Amino acid sequence: RAQCTKAREGNNRRILYNERWEQQKAY
């Protein structure tokens, strides 16, 4: 947990995935 996320205790790791941006990067 300490290496994976900086979220406070009690909060879980979250991912914000911008689908359009990832498609543009792939293009």
PDB file of all heavy atoms in Angstrom:
ATOM      1  N   ARG A   1       0.813  -1.219   0.000  1.00  0.00           N
ATOM      2  CA  ARG A   1       0.000   0.000   0.000  1.00  0.00           C
ATOM      3  C   ARG A   1       0.854   1.281   0.000  1.00  0.00           C
ATOM      4  O   ARG A   1       0.572   2.223  -0.741  1.00  0.00           O
ATOM      5  CB  ARG A   1      -0.929  -0.010   1.212  1.00  0.00           C
ATOM      6  CG  ARG A   1      -1.741   1.269   1.364  1.00  0.00           C
ATOM      7  CD  ARG A   1      -2.548   1.297   2.664  1.00  0.00           C
ATOM      8  NE  ARG A   1      -3.100   2.617   2.883  1.00  0.00           N
ATOM      9  CZ  ARG A   1      -4.229   3.065   2.365  1.00  0.00           C
ATOM     10  NH1 ARG A   1      -4.957   2.270   1.591  1.00  0.00           N
ATOM     11  NH2 ARG A   1      -4.656   4.294   2.602  1.00  0.00           N
ATOM     12  N   ALA A   2       1.889   1.322   0.810  1.00  0.00           N
ATOM     13  CA  ALA A   2       2.710   2.532   0.933  1.00  0.00           C
ATOM     14  C   ALA A   2       3.405   2.880  -0.384  1.00  0.00           C
ATOM     15  O   ALA A   2       3.620   4.057  -0.694  1.00  0.00           O
ATOM     16  CB  ALA A   2       3.740   2.352   2.035  1.00  0.00           C
ATOM     17  N   GLN A   3       3.768   1.877  -1.170  1.00  0.00           N
ATOM     18  CA  GLN A   3       4.432   2.111  -2.446  1.00  0.00           C
ATOM     19  C   GLN A   3       3.436   2.358  -3.575  1.00  0.00           C
ATOM     20  O   GLN A   3       3.753   3.018  -4.556  1.00  0.00           O
ATOM     21  CB  GLN A   3       5.299   0.893  -2.810  1.00  0.00           C
ATOM     22  CG  GLN A   3       6.398   0.609  -1.805  1.00  0.00           C
ATOM     23  CD  GLN A   3       7.034  -0.748  -2.042  1.00  0.00           C
ATOM     24  OE1 GLN A   3       6.559  -1.774  -1.542  1.00  0.00           O
ATOM     25  NE2 GLN A   3       8.107  -0.747  -2.813  1.00  0.00           N
ATOM     26  N   CYS A   4       2.228   1.845  -3.396  1.00  0.00           N
ATOM     27  CA  CYS A   4       1.231   1.869  -4.473  1.00  0.00           C
ATOM     28  C   CYS A   4       0.413   3.160  -4.489  1.00  0.00           C
ATOM     29  O   CYS A   4       0.097   3.689  -5.550  1.00  0.00           O
ATOM     30  CB  CYS A   4       0.302   0.663  -4.336  1.00  0.00           C
ATOM     31  SG  CYS A   4      -0.931   0.536  -5.651  1.00  0.00           S
ATOM     32  N   THR A   5       0.044   3.676  -3.324  1.00  0.00           N
ATOM     33  CA  THR A   5      -0.858   4.830  -3.272  1.00  0.00           C
ATOM     34  C   THR A   5      -0.498   5.772  -2.127  1.00  0.00           C
ATOM     35  O   THR A   5       0.088   5.350  -1.122  1.00  0.00           O
ATOM     36  CB  THR A   5      -2.320   4.362  -3.108  1.00  0.00           C
ATOM     37  OG1 THR A   5      -3.170   5.505  -3.070  1.00  0.00           O
ATOM     38  CG2 THR A   5      -2.500   3.562  -1.832  1.00  0.00           C
ATOM     39  N   LYS A   6      -0.869   7.035  -2.310  1.00  0.00           N
ATOM     40  CA  LYS A   6      -0.678   8.045  -1.270  1.00  0.00           C
ATOM     41  C   LYS A   6      -2.011   8.404  -0.616  1.00  0.00           C
ATOM     42  O   LYS A   6      -2.108   9.415   0.077  1.00  0.00           O
ATOM     43  CB  LYS A   6      -0.041   9.294  -1.866  1.00  0.00           C
ATOM     44  CG  LYS A   6       1.380   9.072  -2.367  1.00  0.00           C
ATOM     45  CD  LYS A   6       1.955  10.354  -2.927  1.00  0.00           C
ATOM     46  CE  LYS A   6       3.382  10.115  -3.449  1.00  0.00           C
ATOM     47  NZ  LYS A   6       3.955  11.350  -4.030  1.00  0.00           N
ATOM     48  N   ALA A   7      -3.018   7.574  -0.848  1.00  0.00           N
ATOM     49  CA  ALA A   7      -4.337   7.831  -0.266  1.00  0.00           C
ATOM     50  C   ALA A   7      -4.288   7.707   1.256  1.00  0.00           C
ATOM     51  O   ALA A   7      -3.481   6.960   1.814  1.00  0.00           O
ATOM     52  CB  ALA A   7      -5.364   6.855  -0.841  1.00  0.00           C
ATOM     53  N   ARG A   8      -5.149   8.461   1.920  1.00  0.00           N
ATOM     54  CA  ARG A   8      -5.193   8.420   3.372  1.00  0.00           C
ATOM     55  C   ARG A   8      -5.692   7.065   3.862  1.00  0.00           C
ATOM     56  O   ARG A   8      -6.305   6.305   3.116  1.00  0.00           O
ATOM     57  CB  ARG A   8      -6.118   9.518   3.892  1.00  0.00           C
ATOM     58  CG  ARG A   8      -5.634  10.928   3.593  1.00  0.00           C
ATOM     59  CD  ARG A   8      -6.620  11.945   4.117  1.00  0.00           C
ATOM     60  NE  ARG A   8      -6.179  13.308   3.833  1.00  0.00           N
ATOM     61  CZ  ARG A   8      -6.879  14.385   4.127  1.00  0.00           C
ATOM     62  NH1 ARG A   8      -8.078  14.248   4.724  1.00  0.00           N
ATOM     63  NH2 ARG A   8      -6.417  15.582   3.833  1.00  0.00           N
ATOM     64  N   GLU A   9      -5.407   6.805   5.141  1.00  0.00           N
ATOM     65  CA  GLU A   9      -5.850   5.550   5.747  1.00  0.00           C
ATOM     66  C   GLU A   9      -7.384   5.458   5.674  1.00  0.00           C
ATOM     67  O   GLU A   9      -8.099   6.404   5.979  1.00  0.00           O
ATOM     68  CB  GLU A   9      -5.415   5.492   7.212  1.00  0.00           C
ATOM     69  CG  GLU A   9      -3.921   5.307   7.402  1.00  0.00           C
ATOM     70  CD  GLU A   9      -3.425   3.961   6.893  1.00  0.00           C
ATOM     71  OE1 GLU A   9      -4.229   2.996   6.904  1.00  0.00           O
ATOM     72  OE2 GLU A   9      -2.259   3.871   6.481  1.00  0.00           O
ATOM     73  N   GLY A  10      -7.834   4.274   5.259  1.00  0.00           N
ATOM     74  CA  GLY A  10      -9.275   4.072   5.106  1.00  0.00           C
ATOM     75  C   GLY A  10      -9.752   4.267   3.683  1.00  0.00           C
ATOM     76  O   GLY A  10     -10.853   3.832   3.330  1.00  0.00           O
ATOM     77  N   ASN A  11      -8.924   4.937   2.840  1.00  0.00           N
ATOM     78  CA  ASN A  11      -9.270   5.113   1.432  1.00  0.00           C
ATOM     79  C   ASN A  11      -8.497   4.119   0.584  1.00  0.00           C
ATOM     80  O   ASN A  11      -7.375   3.745   0.919  1.00  0.00           O
ATOM     81  CB  ASN A  11      -8.952   6.537   0.968  1.00  0.00           C
ATOM     82  CG  ASN A  11      -9.807   7.571   1.669  1.00  0.00           C
ATOM     83  OD1 ASN A  11     -10.891   7.257   2.165  1.00  0.00           O
ATOM     84  ND2 ASN A  11      -9.322   8.802   1.719  1.00  0.00           N
ATOM     85  N   ASN A  12      -9.097   3.709  -0.507  1.00  0.00           N
ATOM     86  CA  ASN A  12      -8.495   2.714  -1.393  1.00  0.00           C
ATOM     87  C   ASN A  12      -7.882   3.379  -2.625  1.00  0.00           C
ATOM     88  O   ASN A  12      -8.171   4.535  -2.939  1.00  0.00           O
ATOM     89  CB  ASN A  12      -9.544   1.694  -1.828  1.00  0.00           C
ATOM     90  CG  ASN A  12     -10.122   0.916  -0.655  1.00  0.00           C
ATOM     91  OD1 ASN A  12      -9.394   0.527   0.272  1.00  0.00           O
ATOM     92  ND2 ASN A  12     -11.425   0.683  -0.650  1.00  0.00           N
ATOM     93  N   ARG A  13      -7.042   2.607  -3.316  1.00  0.00           N
ATOM     94  CA  ARG A  13      -6.394   3.093  -4.545  1.00  0.00           C
ATOM     95  C   ARG A  13      -7.453   3.315  -5.624  1.00  0.00           C
ATOM     96  O   ARG A  13      -8.302   2.459  -5.871  1.00  0.00           O
ATOM     97  CB  ARG A  13      -5.349   2.069  -5.038  1.00  0.00           C
ATOM     98  CG  ARG A  13      -4.743   2.385  -6.397  1.00  0.00           C
ATOM     99  CD  ARG A  13      -3.823   3.574  -6.330  1.00  0.00           C
ATOM    100  NE  ARG A  13      -3.362   3.990  -7.656  1.00  0.00           N
ATOM    101  CZ  ARG A  13      -2.248   3.542  -8.234  1.00  0.00           C
ATOM    102  NH1 ARG A  13      -1.483   2.663  -7.621  1.00  0.00           N
ATOM    103  NH2 ARG A  13      -1.886   3.997  -9.413  1.00  0.00           N
ATOM    104  N   ARG A  14      -7.366   4.503  -6.269  1.00  0.00           N
ATOM    105  CA  ARG A  14      -8.312   4.838  -7.331  1.00  0.00           C
ATOM    106  C   ARG A  14      -7.540   5.148  -8.614  1.00  0.00           C
ATOM    107  O   ARG A  14      -6.424   5.648  -8.591  1.00  0.00           O
ATOM    108  CB  ARG A  14      -9.172   6.045  -6.945  1.00  0.00           C
ATOM    109  CG  ARG A  14     -10.010   5.810  -5.709  1.00  0.00           C
ATOM    110  CD  ARG A  14     -10.728   7.085  -5.288  1.00  0.00           C
ATOM    111  NE  ARG A  14     -11.801   7.418  -6.204  1.00  0.00           N
ATOM    112  CZ  ARG A  14     -12.523   8.544  -6.142  1.00  0.00           C
ATOM    113  NH1 ARG A  14     -12.253   9.425  -5.196  1.00  0.00           N
ATOM    114  NH2 ARG A  14     -13.491   8.767  -6.990  1.00  0.00           N
ATOM    115  N   ILE A  15      -8.180   4.837  -9.732  1.00  0.00           N
ATOM    116  CA  ILE A  15      -7.604   5.120 -11.047  1.00  0.00           C
ATOM    117  C   ILE A  15      -8.577   6.027 -11.806  1.00  0.00           C
ATOM    118  O   ILE A  15      -9.776   5.725 -11.896  1.00  0.00           O
ATOM    119  CB  ILE A  15      -7.375   3.825 -11.854  1.00  0.00           C
ATOM    120  CG1 ILE A  15      -6.373   2.910 -11.146  1.00  0.00           C
ATOM    121  CG2 ILE A  15      -6.893   4.150 -13.259  1.00  0.00           C
ATOM    122  CD1 ILE A  15      -6.253   1.546 -11.799  1.00  0.00           C
ATOM    123  N   LEU A  16      -8.044   7.134 -12.328  1.00  0.00           N
ATOM    124  CA  LEU A  16      -8.829   8.008 -13.206  1.00  0.00           C
ATOM    125  C   LEU A  16      -8.367   7.747 -14.633  1.00  0.00           C
ATOM    126  O   LEU A  16      -7.248   8.094 -15.006  1.00  0.00           O
ATOM    127  CB  LEU A  16      -8.635   9.467 -12.827  1.00  0.00           C
ATOM    128  CG  LEU A  16      -9.097   9.879 -11.425  1.00  0.00           C
ATOM    129  CD1 LEU A  16      -8.800  11.343 -11.177  1.00  0.00           C
ATOM    130  CD2 LEU A  16     -10.578   9.612 -11.258  1.00  0.00           C
ATOM    131  N   TYR A  17      -9.232   7.116 -15.413  1.00  0.00           N
ATOM    132  CA  TYR A  17      -8.876   6.682 -16.766  1.00  0.00           C
ATOM    133  C   TYR A  17      -9.621   7.546 -17.788  1.00  0.00           C
ATOM    134  O   TYR A  17     -10.850   7.507 -17.868  1.00  0.00           O
ATOM    135  CB  TYR A  17      -9.238   5.210 -16.947  1.00  0.00           C
ATOM    136  CG  TYR A  17      -8.787   4.604 -18.257  1.00  0.00           C
ATOM    137  CD1 TYR A  17      -7.486   4.149 -18.415  1.00  0.00           C
ATOM    138  CD2 TYR A  17      -9.670   4.485 -19.331  1.00  0.00           C
ATOM    139  CE1 TYR A  17      -7.073   3.593 -19.610  1.00  0.00           C
ATOM    140  CE2 TYR A  17      -9.269   3.929 -20.527  1.00  0.00           C
ATOM    141  CZ  TYR A  17      -7.963   3.484 -20.666  1.00  0.00           C
ATOM    142  OH  TYR A  17      -7.552   2.932 -21.840  1.00  0.00           O
ATOM    143  N   ASN A  18      -8.849   8.354 -18.529  1.00  0.00           N
ATOM    144  CA  ASN A  18      -9.428   9.201 -19.578  1.00  0.00           C
ATOM    145  C   ASN A  18      -9.373   8.439 -20.894  1.00  0.00           C
ATOM    146  O   ASN A  18      -8.323   8.341 -21.535  1.00  0.00           O
ATOM    147  CB  ASN A  18      -8.645  10.521 -19.674  1.00  0.00           C
ATOM    148  CG  ASN A  18      -9.314  11.515 -20.602  1.00  0.00           C
ATOM    149  OD1 ASN A  18     -10.117  11.152 -21.459  1.00  0.00           O
ATOM    150  ND2 ASN A  18      -8.977  12.780 -20.430  1.00  0.00           N
ATOM    151  N   GLU A  19     -10.490   7.886 -21.280  1.00  0.00           N
ATOM    152  CA  GLU A  19     -10.532   7.001 -22.442  1.00  0.00           C
ATOM    153  C   GLU A  19     -10.137   7.724 -23.729  1.00  0.00           C
ATOM    154  O   GLU A  19      -9.366   7.200 -24.537  1.00  0.00           O
ATOM    155  CB  GLU A  19     -11.947   6.411 -22.576  1.00  0.00           C
ATOM    156  CG  GLU A  19     -12.020   5.244 -23.537  1.00  0.00           C
ATOM    157  CD  GLU A  19     -13.366   4.529 -23.464  1.00  0.00           C
ATOM    158  OE1 GLU A  19     -14.255   5.017 -22.745  1.00  0.00           O
ATOM    159  OE2 GLU A  19     -13.509   3.500 -24.128  1.00  0.00           O
ATOM    160  N   ARG A  20     -10.653   8.933 -23.916  1.00  0.00           N
ATOM    161  CA  ARG A  20     -10.349   9.673 -25.148  1.00  0.00           C
ATOM    162  C   ARG A  20      -8.859  10.017 -25.214  1.00  0.00           C
ATOM    163  O   ARG A  20      -8.238   9.899 -26.278  1.00  0.00           O
ATOM    164  CB  ARG A  20     -11.174  10.956 -25.194  1.00  0.00           C
ATOM    165  CG  ARG A  20     -10.835  11.839 -26.386  1.00  0.00           C
ATOM    166  CD  ARG A  20     -11.622  13.133 -26.369  1.00  0.00           C
ATOM    167  NE  ARG A  20     -12.992  12.934 -26.779  1.00  0.00           N
ATOM    168  CZ  ARG A  20     -13.847  13.929 -26.999  1.00  0.00           C
ATOM    169  NH1 ARG A  20     -13.456  15.175 -26.805  1.00  0.00           N
ATOM    170  NH2 ARG A  20     -15.086  13.690 -27.369  1.00  0.00           N
ATOM    171  N   TRP A  21      -8.282  10.436 -24.097  1.00  0.00           N
ATOM    172  CA  TRP A  21      -6.867  10.774 -24.067  1.00  0.00           C
ATOM    173  C   TRP A  21      -6.005   9.562 -24.362  1.00  0.00           C
ATOM    174  O   TRP A  21      -4.999   9.658 -25.106  1.00  0.00           O
ATOM    175  CB  TRP A  21      -6.517  11.374 -22.714  1.00  0.00           C
ATOM    176  CG  TRP A  21      -5.073  11.665 -22.479  1.00  0.00           C
ATOM    177  CD1 TRP A  21      -4.300  11.203 -21.464  1.00  0.00           C
ATOM    178  CD2 TRP A  21      -4.215  12.509 -23.265  1.00  0.00           C
ATOM    179  NE1 TRP A  21      -3.031  11.703 -21.551  1.00  0.00           N
ATOM    180  CE2 TRP A  21      -2.933  12.512 -22.652  1.00  0.00           C
ATOM    181  CE3 TRP A  21      -4.404  13.247 -24.426  1.00  0.00           C
ATOM    182  CZ2 TRP A  21      -1.866  13.215 -23.162  1.00  0.00           C
ATOM    183  CZ3 TRP A  21      -3.322  13.962 -24.941  1.00  0.00           C
ATOM    184  CH2 TRP A  21      -2.076  13.936 -24.312  1.00  0.00           C
ATOM    185  N   GLU A  22      -6.360   8.406 -23.834  1.00  0.00           N
ATOM    186  CA  GLU A  22      -5.594   7.185 -24.100  1.00  0.00           C
ATOM    187  C   GLU A  22      -5.684   6.796 -25.569  1.00  0.00           C
ATOM    188  O   GLU A  22      -4.705   6.321 -26.163  1.00  0.00           O
ATOM    189  CB  GLU A  22      -6.103   6.043 -23.215  1.00  0.00           C
ATOM    190  CG  GLU A  22      -5.875   6.250 -21.721  1.00  0.00           C
ATOM    191  CD  GLU A  22      -4.409   6.385 -21.354  1.00  0.00           C
ATOM    192  OE1 GLU A  22      -3.560   5.782 -22.046  1.00  0.00           O
ATOM    193  OE2 GLU A  22      -4.100   7.096 -20.384  1.00  0.00           O
ATOM    194  N   GLN A  23      -6.851   7.004 -26.185  1.00  0.00           N
ATOM    195  CA  GLN A  23      -6.998   6.722 -27.613  1.00  0.00           C
ATOM    196  C   GLN A  23      -6.132   7.665 -28.446  1.00  0.00           C
ATOM    197  O   GLN A  23      -5.509   7.253 -29.435  1.00  0.00           O
ATOM    198  CB  GLN A  23      -8.467   6.850 -28.018  1.00  0.00           C
ATOM    199  CG  GLN A  23      -9.366   5.754 -27.476  1.00  0.00           C
ATOM    200  CD  GLN A  23     -10.834   6.031 -27.733  1.00  0.00           C
ATOM    201  OE1 GLN A  23     -11.201   7.080 -28.254  1.00  0.00           O
ATOM    202  NE2 GLN A  23     -11.683   5.080 -27.372  1.00  0.00           N
ATOM    203  N   GLN A  24      -6.096   8.928 -28.045  1.00  0.00           N
ATOM    204  CA  GLN A  24      -5.266   9.900 -28.762  1.00  0.00           C
ATOM    205  C   GLN A  24      -3.791   9.559 -28.637  1.00  0.00           C
ATOM    206  O   GLN A  24      -3.033   9.684 -29.614  1.00  0.00           O
ATOM    207  CB  GLN A  24      -5.532  11.303 -28.221  1.00  0.00           C
ATOM    208  CG  GLN A  24      -6.900  11.853 -28.577  1.00  0.00           C
ATOM    209  CD  GLN A  24      -7.214  13.155 -27.865  1.00  0.00           C
ATOM    210  OE1 GLN A  24      -6.552  13.518 -26.892  1.00  0.00           O
ATOM    211  NE2 GLN A  24      -8.230  13.858 -28.335  1.00  0.00           N
ATOM    212  N   LYS A  25      -3.375   9.117 -27.470  1.00  0.00           N
ATOM    213  CA  LYS A  25      -1.979   8.725 -27.279  1.00  0.00           C
ATOM    214  C   LYS A  25      -1.631   7.512 -28.144  1.00  0.00           C
ATOM    215  O   LYS A  25      -0.557   7.463 -28.766  1.00  0.00           O
ATOM    216  CB  LYS A  25      -1.727   8.415 -25.804  1.00  0.00           C
ATOM    217  CG  LYS A  25      -1.659   9.656 -24.919  1.00  0.00           C
ATOM    218  CD  LYS A  25      -1.772   9.328 -23.442  1.00  0.00           C
ATOM    219  CE  LYS A  25      -0.627   8.482 -22.960  1.00  0.00           C
ATOM    220  NZ  LYS A  25      -0.709   8.229 -21.493  1.00  0.00           N
ATOM    221  N   ALA A  26      -2.532   6.562 -28.203  1.00  0.00           N
ATOM    222  CA  ALA A  26      -2.299   5.377 -29.028  1.00  0.00           C
ATOM    223  C   ALA A  26      -2.215   5.753 -30.509  1.00  0.00           C
ATOM    224  O   ALA A  26      -1.373   5.220 -31.258  1.00  0.00           O
ATOM    225  CB  ALA A  26      -3.423   4.363 -28.795  1.00  0.00           C
ATOM    226  N   TYR A  27      -3.069   6.679 -30.934  1.00  0.00           N
ATOM    227  CA  TYR A  27      -3.065   7.152 -32.327  1.00  0.00           C
ATOM    228  C   TYR A  27      -1.752   7.851 -32.651  1.00  0.00           C
ATOM    229  O   TYR A  27      -1.165   7.647 -33.725  1.00  0.00           O
ATOM    230  CB  TYR A  27      -4.253   8.089 -32.524  1.00  0.00           C
ATOM    231  CG  TYR A  27      -4.352   8.709 -33.896  1.00  0.00           C
ATOM    232  CD1 TYR A  27      -4.489   7.926 -35.039  1.00  0.00           C
ATOM    233  CD2 TYR A  27      -4.307  10.096 -34.048  1.00  0.00           C
ATOM    234  CE1 TYR A  27      -4.583   8.513 -36.289  1.00  0.00           C
ATOM    235  CE2 TYR A  27      -4.400  10.680 -35.299  1.00  0.00           C
ATOM    236  CZ  TYR A  27      -4.543   9.886 -36.418  1.00  0.00           C
ATOM    237  OH  TYR A  27      -4.635  10.456 -37.659  1.00  0.00           O
TER     238      TYR A  27
END
